[in-house]
Amino acid sequence: MPSIFTPIPAEIDRKSPGTGGKPPVDRRPTGGGGGGGDDDWKNPRRGPREQLNRMRAFVFCALAGDMMFFVVLVALFYARQASTHMDLSTLQQIGVWHPILLPPVLFLNTAVLLLSSLSMESARRHIFREFDVLEEWLGLGRPALRRSLPWVGVTLVLGVLFLAGQLLAWKQLSAQGFAFDRWATPASYFFYIITGLHAAHLVIGIAALLVCLFVVARFRRVESRQIAVDATAWFWHTMGIAWLVLFGVLVLGQ
């Protein structure tokens, strides 16, 4: 006759109210410790996902202030373009805006910056590739590192080339007789202001890329590398979009 096994009910510790005992607690078996598995990403209150969301919120708030500053700068650009003064000899309003010939190297610089944004997005996608991340969690290697690190390096090189191209554009404009120290025309003045402020932001992006390279190459936790690449990528993409808008203003505003 086969034996019949009766399941043992979960042990419950009960105490009468007011005696200071613990409330009823079901003692259930656990499956072992955590260790940074996929459950950490699904838990909204802890783990890498919460850190990633916080970092993204910080980057977005910082970039929102910068974008508002660029919007004000563009508004001043068009306001200055529409300004006039009265010619006392003819008693007519004459515009003070004299267009300048933009250096052709700016178009090449724009293409370089777009390529750098594509390479940074490629690095971000590789660092989040689920199969590679799973291999790193299982200790089978560091494929996410091998795939993302070269793309971050390519982005750094292209960013430096963009800054070098901007410096060349300033030299070409100065050779036309529109040096910044002379403030020859309002158009050249705004050209230096717009491109210079964007270049300053891109220098910050270059510094962020250097920090990102260090984190990706030296940090062992894949979550830390993901956060570093993701935050840097969002900053870099925003600077690329900002340049497209500013460059369009410079081209169409002339």
Foldseek 3Di string as FASTA:
>chain_A
DDDDDDDDAFDWDPDDPPPPDDHTDGDDDDDDDDQQDPVQCVDCPHHLVVVLVVLVVVLVVVVVVVVVVLVVLLVVLVVLQPDWDADPVVRDTDTQADADDFDPLVVVLLVLLVVLLVLLVQLLCLLPPVVQLVCLSVVVDRRNLVRNLVSLVSSLVSLVVSLVSLVVRQVVRVVVVCHCVVNPGPLSVSVCVLSVVLNVLSVVLSVLSVVLSCCSVPPSDSSSNSSSSVSSSVSSVSSSVSVVVVVVCSVVVD
